[in-house]
Amino acid sequence: MPFNRTSSRVAIGLFAILLASPTFGQGPLGFQIFAPADVSTYGGAIEPNEGYFFQFDGLYWSVSPPKTSYVGLAPPAKREVNYGPNVIDRVDQYSTLNTSQIKDQFSPGNRFEFGRVEDRNGWFVSIYQIRDQEQDATIPAANVVFNDPPFGPADPVTLQQQAYLWGPVGTGVNGNLPVTLYDVLMNHSIDTWGVELMYLHRMRTCHNGGTFELFGGARYLEFNDTFGIQAGADPGGTVPSFLAGSSWESVAENHVVGPEVGLRWFKKQGRWTLSTEGRFMAGLNCQNIHEQVNLGPNLSPGSHTTFYPTVLGPTTATYSANAREFSPVIELRLEGRYQITRAISFHAGWTGVWMDNIARGSGTIDYSMPAMGIDMSRNREDLLMNGLTLGFDVNR
């Protein structure tokens, strides 16, 4: 996304403009960035800074993996297949590959916040992004059970009806063909970013030194999840892998937008400031699901080769689907801040963001013959992003 690629530069550029502009009477040039820190409590609690502020956070966050989904129909779904013309050659085949190999992993990112507070009222903008996460796994072999309803006459020997995954299993005998993929590459990737525009009201500092800030406004959050499968070449053998070279990819885009409210409490003691805050967004999730399928690029329908489908040929398809879901978002932050000068502080903390009704790529694939498709019945998963933050702020 263009905004995702440029948000860091935009935030830094805006802050540079604030620093460089002498026309802001209460701007950064007026709060003496490198003046000694004021830690005196004479006359009561230390009052919070006002004027323009800027905060940078380096992020080290993880994103929870998608719920476990099978590549194919999930057990106990099974399919009786034939490895030969005789009854003793029939076995029940189950899907053997799932997404449990996808784990949560930590990735770096950044967050920028800048705004202005004057007479206990103000505004601020917050922008975050996490560097794209990607995981790959290679599986030597995997059975895949497709939904393959019969549509033709039954073979007189196997008594199995013609379907897409149906073909010769012996001389003059047809049956359900086993589906096994070899050297399977499973890929999963995530990219996410967001922006907030908030109005802020700061309440008067309490006698114990604590201060509350109320804020409300609008938030946009984007979370994109991609899942793909690539099958390797046929290794050769008695039973060929007729879907060798097949691939499919599902991209689930989540565009969450809505109103947001929040509450922040902080207290300063000497050079140290402790803060905690929570935010809630009632989000509308505009989901866009895109899927590309390439099945059996090496098939030749009607060839009647043993263990090759009679009807199924090379199949390519592209699908798109849309949905609207309510996706609440809850964010919690805990921070500790140490003041270096009057305006500059360093801080560290933890942030957790929980979202519900999010579509994930691996959960929206319909494993049906002849060209697969999109399954929108599993487009509502919850997820958690959380991790450490470390950075600095100016006049916060």
Foldseek 3Di string as FASTA:
>chain_A
DVCQVCVVVVLVVVVVCQVPDPPPPQTPVPQPQFAFADQDQPPAADDAFFFKKKWKKKFWKKKADDDKDFQADAPVDWDWWALALDPVRIDTDHWDDIDPVDGIHIFIWMKMKIWGGDPQKIKMKIKIWTPKDKDKDWDFKTWHYFAWDADAAAWPRVRAGATQQKAANYVSTMTHFTAMFGRKMKMKMKIKMKMWIKIKGKDDQDRVQKTKMKIKGKMKMKMKMKIKMAGAAFPDDSATNQFHGWMKMKMKIWIWMFMKIKMKMWGDRRQKIKMKMKMKGFIKIKIKMKMKTWTRQPADACPRDHNGGNHAHTDIDIDMDIDIDGKMKMKMKIKMWGHRRRWKIKMKTKMKMKIWQAAHGSQFWRRHPDTTYGRPPRRIGMMMMMGMIIIMMTSD
